[in-house]
């Protein structure tokens, strides 16, 4: 068999906790084993909890003494250790890289991650001339911050950060990086004051030039056991981020093309990789829970609409919408019911606006809408329609929900950040004035 079996490449040093142990027990084991993830065992079923999950639990205010059985965990797929990598690729998802490898009797043998797949690739068969920069076409930017920012401001954004990291910039040059692992250590060590970015970030940051080959990138990431590569241009500015997932897709696609004598495997692998590339495009542009545009895609669409507005002298408005007292829903009914409410609201809002209007989940219980060819008056009518539709709806178990909305009209000097800042200020005033209302903000504060 040309492709190695999973038993040959699986990580067998697996940290395991029982479903009845607490979140803190899992956190302690992560530190003891220096792992980014812990497997949770419940009889013959295995779950995963990662550093990013720990960050989400912290930001959601979940007590770390809570038993693992009381939080939402992702079930891991199981695959026999005699299967090969092609089978693993067909099971792996874009949101979770882990797969359980089992013995013939169903007991746990080990884990397969992107790191294991990366380590099994023979760099001699990789196209040497293919540059790192050619992978950026399917990425939607990266999140950055400055070293003097407070960690309390950064933490909520880490749940939605692309590539599971934030780049720290000074004079537009990278000086450090914050990863979920850095934040996990911070959460464990400090229950209150989290300090500033400069105290937590990993610095200096190792980078590669975007013109370096994928073969060099593969050796770089294997030697350092990194989950990602920060690529810079000739001037030292960050050009993009290459993840293990990107390298896997490119290197295995090239590898499969060199294996004509294994035609059946080649066909199967090519179909899997093509589908995964399609899935990755969707994952990079859609919110996983609601199916709406995510923040990064909304940013792209806003820039296009702003350019159209400037060219044709049209009007564009932005609405920020936030569900009132949504935290109470999660606290009282649990996150599954909270997710049901968010998905229902997303579809309700989508059906209440025009097809040309753009709707995205901004994060948590916040949504953002972009109204082309509309001033504040038209946007206000649309916002009130949304507010009244939601107010009159009754959710199973939860009952009535309301929302607050803030509106601003986009001007030519605007960026996404400045327009959102004004709409968010109007939303804040709606909240302060008693909630369940719509407030408009002038184009200039």
Protein backbone atom coordinates (compact mmCIF):
# COMPACT_ATOMS: atom_id res chain seq x y z
CA UNK A 1 0.00 0.00 0.00
CA UNK A 2 1.52 3.32 -1.08
CA UNK A 3 -0.19 5.39 1.62
CA UNK A 4 0.84 4.54 5.22
CA UNK A 5 -1.59 2.97 7.68
CA UNK A 6 -2.95 5.08 10.51
CA UNK A 7 -1.45 2.77 13.11
CA UNK A 8 1.99 3.66 11.75
CA UNK A 9 1.58 7.43 12.17
CA UNK A 10 -0.97 7.87 14.99
CA UNK A 11 0.01 9.62 18.21
CA UNK A 12 -0.29 7.04 20.98
CA UNK A 13 0.58 9.42 23.84
CA UNK A 14 -3.05 10.41 24.40
CA UNK A 15 -4.17 12.32 27.50
CA UNK A 16 -7.48 10.85 28.65
CA UNK A 17 -10.02 12.01 31.25
CA UNK A 18 -13.34 10.53 32.31
CA UNK A 19 -16.60 12.27 31.40
CA UNK A 20 -17.41 12.67 35.12
CA UNK A 21 -14.25 14.66 35.89
CA UNK A 22 -14.28 18.47 35.86
CA UNK A 23 -13.13 21.08 33.37
CA UNK A 24 -10.32 21.96 35.79
CA UNK A 25 -9.17 18.31 35.79
CA UNK A 26 -8.92 18.45 31.99
CA UNK A 27 -7.07 21.78 32.15
CA UNK A 28 -4.58 20.37 34.66
CA UNK A 29 -3.93 17.36 32.44
CA UNK A 30 -3.35 19.63 29.44
CA UNK A 31 -0.57 21.36 31.37
CA UNK A 32 0.91 18.13 32.71
CA UNK A 33 1.15 16.60 29.22
CA UNK A 34 1.76 19.91 27.38
CA UNK A 35 -1.10 19.03 25.01
CA UNK A 36 -3.47 21.29 23.10
CA UNK A 37 -6.29 18.78 23.45
CA UNK A 38 -7.64 16.14 25.83
CA UNK A 39 -9.75 13.10 24.97
CA UNK A 40 -12.83 12.65 27.16
CA UNK A 41 -13.98 9.04 27.60
CA UNK A 42 -17.58 8.03 28.18
CA UNK A 43 -17.74 4.24 27.88
CA UNK A 44 -17.03 3.40 24.23
CA UNK A 45 -17.62 6.98 23.07
CA UNK A 46 -14.78 9.51 22.89
CA UNK A 47 -15.02 13.30 22.88
CA UNK A 48 -12.45 16.08 22.47
CA UNK A 49 -11.84 19.27 24.45
CA UNK A 50 -9.19 21.68 23.11
CA UNK A 51 -7.40 24.84 24.20
CA UNK A 52 -9.85 26.87 22.14
CA UNK A 53 -12.76 25.20 23.94
CA UNK A 54 -11.19 26.22 27.25
CA UNK A 55 -11.03 29.83 26.08
CA UNK A 56 -14.70 29.70 25.05
CA UNK A 57 -15.68 28.26 28.44
CA UNK A 58 -13.73 31.03 30.20
CA UNK A 59 -15.30 33.84 28.14
CA UNK A 60 -18.78 32.32 28.59
CA UNK A 61 -18.31 32.36 32.36
CA UNK A 62 -18.56 28.58 32.83
CA UNK A 63 -17.13 27.53 36.23
CA UNK A 64 -14.10 25.27 35.86
CA UNK A 65 -15.47 23.03 38.61
CA UNK A 66 -18.30 22.00 36.26
CA UNK A 67 -18.25 18.28 35.34
CA UNK A 68 -17.39 17.59 31.70
CA UNK A 69 -20.67 15.69 31.41
CA UNK A 70 -22.54 19.00 31.74
CA UNK A 71 -20.90 20.86 28.85
CA UNK A 72 -21.26 20.44 25.11
CA UNK A 73 -18.48 18.21 23.73
CA UNK A 74 -17.73 17.08 20.19
CA UNK A 75 -17.84 13.35 19.49
CA UNK A 76 -14.71 12.05 17.77
CA UNK A 77 -14.98 9.73 14.77
CA UNK A 78 -13.43 6.26 15.15
CA UNK A 79 -11.32 4.51 12.54
CA UNK A 80 -9.41 1.23 12.55
CA UNK A 81 -5.63 1.51 12.85
CA UNK A 82 -5.15 -0.68 9.75
CA UNK A 83 -6.90 1.93 7.57
CA UNK A 84 -4.79 4.37 5.54
CA UNK A 85 -4.59 8.14 5.32
CA UNK A 86 -7.20 8.35 2.57
CA UNK A 87 -9.80 7.06 5.03
CA UNK A 88 -8.69 9.63 7.63
CA UNK A 89 -8.96 12.51 5.15
CA UNK A 90 -12.54 11.55 4.36
CA UNK A 91 -13.45 11.74 8.07
CA UNK A 92 -11.57 14.89 9.11
CA UNK A 93 -13.60 18.10 9.32
CA UNK A 94 -12.57 21.70 8.86
CA UNK A 95 -13.48 22.60 12.45
CA UNK A 96 -11.86 19.67 14.26
CA UNK A 97 -8.72 17.90 13.12
CA UNK A 98 -8.84 14.96 15.57
CA UNK A 99 -9.75 11.37 14.74
CA UNK A 100 -9.63 8.44 17.16
CA UNK A 101 -7.68 5.42 15.94
CA UNK A 102 -8.90 2.17 17.50
CA UNK A 103 -7.73 -1.40 17.85
CA UNK A 104 -9.67 -4.33 16.38
CA UNK A 105 -11.68 -4.66 19.62
CA UNK A 106 -12.73 -0.98 19.51
CA UNK A 107 -10.40 0.17 22.29
CA UNK A 108 -8.47 3.42 21.85
CA UNK A 109 -5.11 3.03 20.10
CA UNK A 110 -4.24 6.69 19.49
CA UNK A 111 -5.14 9.97 17.78
CA UNK A 112 -4.59 11.27 14.28
CA UNK A 113 -4.14 15.04 13.85
CA UNK A 114 -2.90 17.30 11.09
CA UNK A 115 0.53 17.18 12.74
CA UNK A 116 0.66 13.40 12.28
CA UNK A 117 -0.36 13.68 8.63
CA UNK A 118 2.22 16.42 8.07
CA UNK A 119 4.94 14.24 9.62
CA UNK A 120 4.16 11.35 7.28
CA UNK A 121 4.69 13.35 4.10
CA UNK A 122 7.87 12.71 2.12
CA UNK A 123 9.13 16.18 1.13
CA UNK A 124 11.06 14.71 -1.81
CA UNK A 125 7.80 14.31 -3.74
CA UNK A 126 6.58 17.88 -3.17
CA UNK A 127 6.74 20.41 -5.99
CA UNK A 128 9.75 22.55 -5.08
CA UNK A 129 8.71 25.52 -7.19
CA UNK A 130 5.28 26.03 -5.60
CA UNK A 131 5.46 29.09 -3.33
CA UNK A 132 3.77 29.65 0.03
CA UNK A 133 1.97 32.68 -1.38
CA UNK A 134 -0.04 30.51 -3.76
CA UNK A 135 -2.02 29.14 -0.80
CA UNK A 136 -3.40 32.51 0.29
CA UNK A 137 -6.26 32.47 -2.22
CA UNK A 138 -8.53 30.53 0.15
CA UNK A 139 -7.71 32.47 3.32
CA UNK A 140 -9.64 35.48 4.53
CA UNK A 141 -6.99 37.50 6.31
CA UNK A 142 -5.67 37.38 9.83
CA UNK A 143 -6.43 39.19 13.06
CA UNK A 144 -3.86 41.55 14.57
CA UNK A 145 -3.45 43.70 17.66
CA UNK A 146 -0.83 45.85 19.37
CA UNK A 147 1.30 44.84 22.34
CA UNK A 148 -0.24 47.44 24.68
CA UNK A 149 -3.81 46.14 24.32
CA UNK A 150 -5.40 44.54 27.37
CA UNK A 151 -6.01 40.80 27.34
CA UNK A 152 -9.56 41.37 28.60
CA UNK A 153 -10.25 43.04 25.21
CA UNK A 154 -8.54 40.29 23.21
CA UNK A 155 -9.99 37.20 24.88
CA UNK A 156 -13.56 37.39 23.47
CA UNK A 157 -12.25 37.67 19.89
CA UNK A 158 -10.05 34.58 20.13
CA UNK A 159 -13.09 32.31 19.80
CA UNK A 160 -13.68 33.61 16.24
CA UNK A 161 -10.10 34.43 15.25
CA UNK A 162 -9.07 32.94 11.90
CA UNK A 163 -6.18 30.45 12.04
CA UNK A 164 -6.54 30.17 15.84
CA UNK A 165 -4.08 33.03 16.46
CA UNK A 166 -3.65 36.79 16.64
CA UNK A 167 -0.55 38.52 15.22
CA UNK A 168 0.96 41.31 17.35
CA UNK A 169 2.15 44.25 15.23
CA UNK A 170 4.36 47.27 15.86
CA UNK A 171 4.70 49.80 13.04
CA UNK A 172 2.89 47.23 10.85
CA UNK A 173 5.66 44.66 11.45
CA UNK A 174 5.08 41.39 13.36
CA UNK A 175 6.72 41.31 16.79
CA UNK A 176 4.81 38.47 18.43
CA UNK A 177 1.93 36.03 18.26
CA UNK A 178 -0.92 34.99 20.56
CA UNK A 179 -2.22 31.44 20.19
CA UNK A 180 -4.92 29.52 22.00
CA UNK A 181 -2.18 27.74 23.90
CA UNK A 182 -0.79 31.07 25.18
CA UNK A 183 -4.25 32.11 26.32
CA UNK A 184 -4.88 28.75 27.98
CA UNK A 185 -1.78 29.20 30.13
CA UNK A 186 -2.94 32.70 31.04
CA UNK A 187 -6.43 31.50 32.01
CA UNK A 188 -4.93 28.79 34.19
CA UNK A 189 -2.53 31.14 35.98
CA UNK A 190 -4.82 34.13 36.47
CA UNK A 191 -8.47 34.13 37.51
CA UNK A 192 -8.84 37.94 37.51
CA UNK A 193 -6.45 40.49 35.99
CA UNK A 194 -5.22 39.10 32.68
CA UNK A 195 -2.70 41.88 31.97
CA UNK A 196 -1.64 43.16 28.55
CA UNK A 197 -0.75 41.44 25.30
CA UNK A 198 2.98 42.14 25.79
CA UNK A 199 2.98 39.98 28.93
CA UNK A 200 1.41 36.97 27.19
CA UNK A 201 2.53 36.96 23.56
CA UNK A 202 5.23 34.67 22.21
CA UNK A 203 8.07 36.86 20.97
CA UNK A 204 10.07 37.14 18.82
CA UNK A 205 7.97 35.58 16.08
CA UNK A 206 9.49 33.23 13.49
CA UNK A 207 8.34 33.93 9.95
CA UNK A 208 8.95 32.74 6.40
CA UNK A 209 8.99 34.70 3.17
CA UNK A 210 5.87 34.19 1.07
CA UNK A 211 8.18 33.33 -1.87
CA UNK A 212 9.63 30.30 -0.04
CA UNK A 213 8.58 26.93 -1.40
CA UNK A 214 5.94 24.69 0.11
CA UNK A 215 8.70 22.10 0.55
CA UNK A 216 10.61 24.56 2.75
CA UNK A 217 7.40 25.37 4.62
CA UNK A 218 6.80 21.70 5.30
CA UNK A 219 10.30 21.25 6.75
CA UNK A 220 9.88 24.44 8.80
CA UNK A 221 6.61 23.34 10.37
CA UNK A 222 7.78 19.77 10.99
CA UNK A 223 11.03 20.86 12.68
CA UNK A 224 9.33 23.34 15.00
CA UNK A 225 6.04 21.48 15.58
CA UNK A 226 4.10 24.64 14.72
CA UNK A 227 0.43 24.61 13.75
CA UNK A 228 0.88 27.52 11.37
CA UNK A 229 3.41 29.66 9.47
CA UNK A 230 3.33 33.46 9.46
CA UNK A 231 4.45 34.48 5.97
CA UNK A 232 5.81 37.95 5.23
CA UNK A 233 6.59 39.88 2.05
CA UNK A 234 9.99 41.31 1.15
CA UNK A 235 9.37 44.38 3.33
CA UNK A 236 8.65 42.24 6.38
CA UNK A 237 4.90 42.91 6.49
CA UNK A 238 2.57 39.98 7.18
CA UNK A 239 1.24 38.62 3.88
CA UNK A 240 -0.81 35.74 5.23
CA UNK A 241 -0.90 32.65 7.38
CA UNK A 242 -0.40 29.07 6.17
CA UNK A 243 -1.85 26.35 8.36
CA UNK A 244 -1.14 22.65 8.53
CA UNK A 245 -4.47 22.17 6.76
CA UNK A 246 -3.23 24.22 3.78
CA UNK A 247 -0.02 22.20 3.54
CA UNK A 248 -1.84 18.89 3.79
CA UNK A 249 -4.15 19.75 0.90
CA UNK A 250 -1.30 20.88 -1.37
CA UNK A 251 1.27 18.22 -0.54
CA UNK A 252 -1.08 15.26 -0.67
CA UNK A 253 -2.62 16.47 -3.90
CA UNK A 254 0.86 16.64 -5.43
CA UNK A 255 1.78 13.29 -3.93
CA UNK A 256 -1.30 11.64 -5.38
CA UNK A 257 -0.50 13.00 -8.83
CA UNK A 258 2.81 11.11 -8.78
CA UNK A 259 1.19 7.73 -8.10
CA UNK A 260 -0.21 6.65 -11.43
CA UNK A 261 0.41 3.00 -10.61
CA UNK A 262 -2.09 3.34 -7.74
CA UNK A 263 -4.82 4.77 -9.93
CA UNK A 264 -7.80 3.75 -7.78
CA UNK A 265 -6.32 5.36 -4.68
CA UNK A 266 -5.35 8.40 -6.73
CA UNK A 267 -8.95 8.85 -7.92
CA UNK A 268 -10.36 8.46 -4.42
CA UNK A 269 -7.86 10.86 -2.85
CA UNK A 270 -8.36 13.50 -5.54
CA UNK A 271 -12.14 13.49 -5.01
CA UNK A 272 -11.68 13.83 -1.25
CA UNK A 273 -9.26 16.75 -1.59
CA UNK A 274 -11.44 18.54 -4.11
CA UNK A 275 -14.42 18.25 -1.79
CA UNK A 276 -12.35 19.39 1.20
CA UNK A 277 -11.21 22.47 -0.72
CA UNK A 278 -14.87 23.26 -1.47
CA UNK A 279 -15.76 22.69 2.18
CA UNK A 280 -12.87 24.92 3.27
CA UNK A 281 -14.16 27.79 1.11
CA UNK A 282 -17.58 27.50 2.75
CA UNK A 283 -16.04 27.21 6.21
CA UNK A 284 -13.92 30.30 5.65
CA UNK A 285 -16.91 32.45 4.61
CA UNK A 286 -19.84 31.10 6.64
CA UNK A 287 -20.69 31.11 10.32
CA UNK A 288 -20.72 27.45 11.33
CA UNK A 289 -23.77 27.71 13.60
CA UNK A 290 -26.20 29.88 11.65
CA UNK A 291 -25.03 29.45 8.05
CA UNK A 292 -24.88 33.23 7.63
CA UNK A 293 -21.85 35.14 6.38
CA UNK A 294 -19.14 35.34 9.03
CA UNK A 295 -17.30 38.49 10.08
CA UNK A 296 -14.45 38.02 7.60
CA UNK A 297 -16.76 37.55 4.61
CA UNK A 298 -18.86 40.53 5.69
CA UNK A 299 -15.70 42.65 5.68
CA UNK A 300 -15.03 41.66 2.06
CA UNK A 301 -18.62 42.39 1.01
CA UNK A 302 -18.61 45.73 2.84
CA UNK A 303 -15.51 46.86 0.93
CA UNK A 304 -17.15 45.92 -2.39
CA UNK A 305 -20.36 47.74 -1.49
CA UNK A 306 -18.41 50.81 -0.34
CA UNK A 307 -16.60 50.93 -3.69
CA UNK A 308 -19.95 50.69 -5.52
CA UNK A 309 -21.39 53.47 -3.35
CA UNK A 310 -18.48 55.78 -4.14
CA UNK A 311 -18.66 55.04 -7.86
CA UNK A 312 -22.39 55.42 -8.36
CA UNK A 313 -23.09 57.89 -5.50
CA UNK A 314 -25.63 55.57 -3.88
CA UNK A 315 -26.52 55.25 -0.19
CA UNK A 316 -25.65 52.39 2.16
CA UNK A 317 -26.64 51.79 5.77
CA UNK A 318 -25.43 49.43 8.47
CA UNK A 319 -27.49 47.91 11.29
CA UNK A 320 -26.01 46.30 14.39
CA UNK A 321 -28.44 43.96 16.17
CA UNK A 322 -28.02 42.36 19.59
CA UNK A 323 -30.36 39.94 21.37
CA UNK A 324 -31.49 41.29 24.75
CA UNK A 325 -30.52 39.30 27.85
CA UNK A 326 -29.24 36.39 25.77
CA UNK A 327 -26.79 35.31 28.49
CA UNK A 328 -29.80 34.43 30.64
CA UNK A 329 -30.89 31.91 28.00
CA UNK A 330 -27.55 30.11 28.08
CA UNK A 331 -27.39 30.23 31.87
CA UNK A 332 -30.93 28.98 32.42
CA UNK A 333 -31.55 26.62 29.51
CA UNK A 334 -28.03 25.64 28.40
CA UNK A 335 -26.01 26.29 25.25
CA UNK A 336 -27.95 23.84 23.08
CA UNK A 337 -31.11 25.90 23.55
CA UNK A 338 -29.05 29.06 23.08
CA UNK A 339 -27.79 27.73 19.75
CA UNK A 340 -31.38 26.90 18.73
CA UNK A 341 -32.41 30.50 19.48
CA UNK A 342 -29.50 31.94 17.46
CA UNK A 343 -30.23 29.71 14.45
CA UNK A 344 -33.94 30.56 14.57
CA UNK A 345 -33.25 34.29 14.84
CA UNK A 346 -30.81 34.12 11.92
CA UNK A 347 -33.45 32.58 9.65
CA UNK A 348 -36.12 34.97 10.95
CA UNK A 349 -33.99 38.02 10.15
CA UNK A 350 -32.94 36.61 6.79
CA UNK A 351 -36.57 36.17 5.75
CA UNK A 352 -37.43 39.69 6.93
CA UNK A 353 -34.98 41.58 4.69
CA UNK A 354 -34.47 41.94 0.96
CA UNK A 355 -32.46 39.44 -1.05
CA UNK A 356 -29.90 42.14 -1.83
CA UNK A 357 -29.37 42.96 1.86
CA UNK A 358 -26.32 41.35 3.48
CA UNK A 359 -26.62 39.62 6.85
CA UNK A 360 -23.76 38.23 8.95
CA UNK A 361 -23.20 36.95 12.44
CA UNK A 362 -20.80 39.41 14.05
CA UNK A 363 -20.11 37.23 17.07
CA UNK A 364 -21.98 35.77 20.03
CA UNK A 365 -25.56 37.09 19.92
CA UNK A 366 -24.68 40.06 17.67
CA UNK A 367 -25.67 40.31 14.01
CA UNK A 368 -24.79 42.94 11.42
CA UNK A 369 -26.75 43.93 8.31
CA UNK A 370 -25.68 45.94 5.27
CA UNK A 371 -28.45 47.69 3.30
CA UNK A 372 -27.41 48.79 -0.23
CA UNK A 373 -29.32 51.68 -1.80
CA UNK A 374 -30.77 52.63 1.58
CA UNK A 375 -30.41 55.61 3.86
CA UNK A 376 -31.14 55.65 7.57
CA UNK A 377 -34.88 56.10 7.06
CA UNK A 378 -35.20 52.95 4.97
CA UNK A 379 -32.88 51.05 7.31
CA UNK A 380 -34.96 52.17 10.29
CA UNK A 381 -38.12 50.75 8.72
CA UNK A 382 -36.32 47.44 8.09
CA UNK A 383 -34.89 47.37 11.61
CA UNK A 384 -38.30 47.98 13.19
CA UNK A 385 -39.77 45.19 11.08
CA UNK A 386 -37.10 42.80 12.39
CA UNK A 387 -37.63 43.97 15.98
CA UNK A 388 -41.42 43.52 15.84
CA UNK A 389 -41.21 40.10 14.14
CA UNK A 390 -38.85 38.86 16.85
CA UNK A 391 -40.89 40.42 19.66
CA UNK A 392 -44.05 38.62 18.51
CA UNK A 393 -42.37 35.21 18.18
CA UNK A 394 -42.46 32.59 20.93
CA UNK A 395 -39.50 30.21 21.19
CA UNK A 396 -39.93 26.68 22.49
CA UNK A 397 -38.95 26.58 26.19
CA UNK A 398 -37.52 30.13 26.14
CA UNK A 399 -40.65 32.09 25.25
CA UNK A 400 -40.33 35.70 24.10
CA UNK A 401 -37.03 37.27 23.00
CA UNK A 402 -36.38 40.88 22.04
CA UNK A 403 -33.51 42.71 20.39
CA UNK A 404 -31.90 46.15 20.31
CA UNK A 405 -30.67 47.72 17.07
CA UNK A 406 -28.32 50.56 16.12
CA UNK A 407 -28.21 52.18 12.67
CA UNK A 408 -25.76 54.39 10.83
CA UNK A 409 -25.41 55.53 7.24
CA UNK A 410 -22.08 54.87 5.53
CA UNK A 411 -20.12 57.85 4.21
CA UNK A 412 -17.33 57.83 1.64
CA UNK A 413 -14.62 58.38 4.26
CA UNK A 414 -15.76 55.31 6.18
CA UNK A 415 -13.99 52.05 6.79
CA UNK A 416 -15.79 49.00 8.11
CA UNK A 417 -14.40 49.76 11.56
CA UNK A 418 -15.67 53.36 11.64
CA UNK A 419 -19.14 52.43 10.36
CA UNK A 420 -19.43 49.56 12.85
CA UNK A 421 -18.24 51.84 15.66
CA UNK A 422 -21.09 54.29 15.02
CA UNK A 423 -23.72 51.59 14.62
CA UNK A 424 -22.44 49.95 17.80
CA UNK A 425 -22.65 53.27 19.65
CA UNK A 426 -26.29 53.59 18.59
CA UNK A 427 -26.89 50.00 19.69
CA UNK A 428 -25.34 50.79 23.07
CA UNK A 429 -27.71 53.73 23.51
CA UNK A 430 -30.64 51.46 22.64
CA UNK A 431 -29.49 49.07 25.36
CA UNK A 432 -29.00 51.88 27.88
CA UNK A 433 -32.44 53.32 27.08
CA UNK A 434 -34.28 50.15 28.05
CA UNK A 435 -33.64 47.67 25.19
CA UNK A 436 -36.13 46.39 22.56
CA UNK A 437 -35.79 49.51 20.44
CA UNK A 438 -33.99 50.97 17.41
CA UNK A 439 -31.73 54.03 17.56
CA UNK A 440 -30.07 55.83 14.65
CA UNK A 441 -26.60 57.39 14.83
CA UNK A 442 -25.58 60.33 12.66
CA UNK A 443 -22.90 59.71 10.04
CA UNK A 444 -20.38 61.66 12.11
CA UNK A 445 -20.11 61.39 15.89
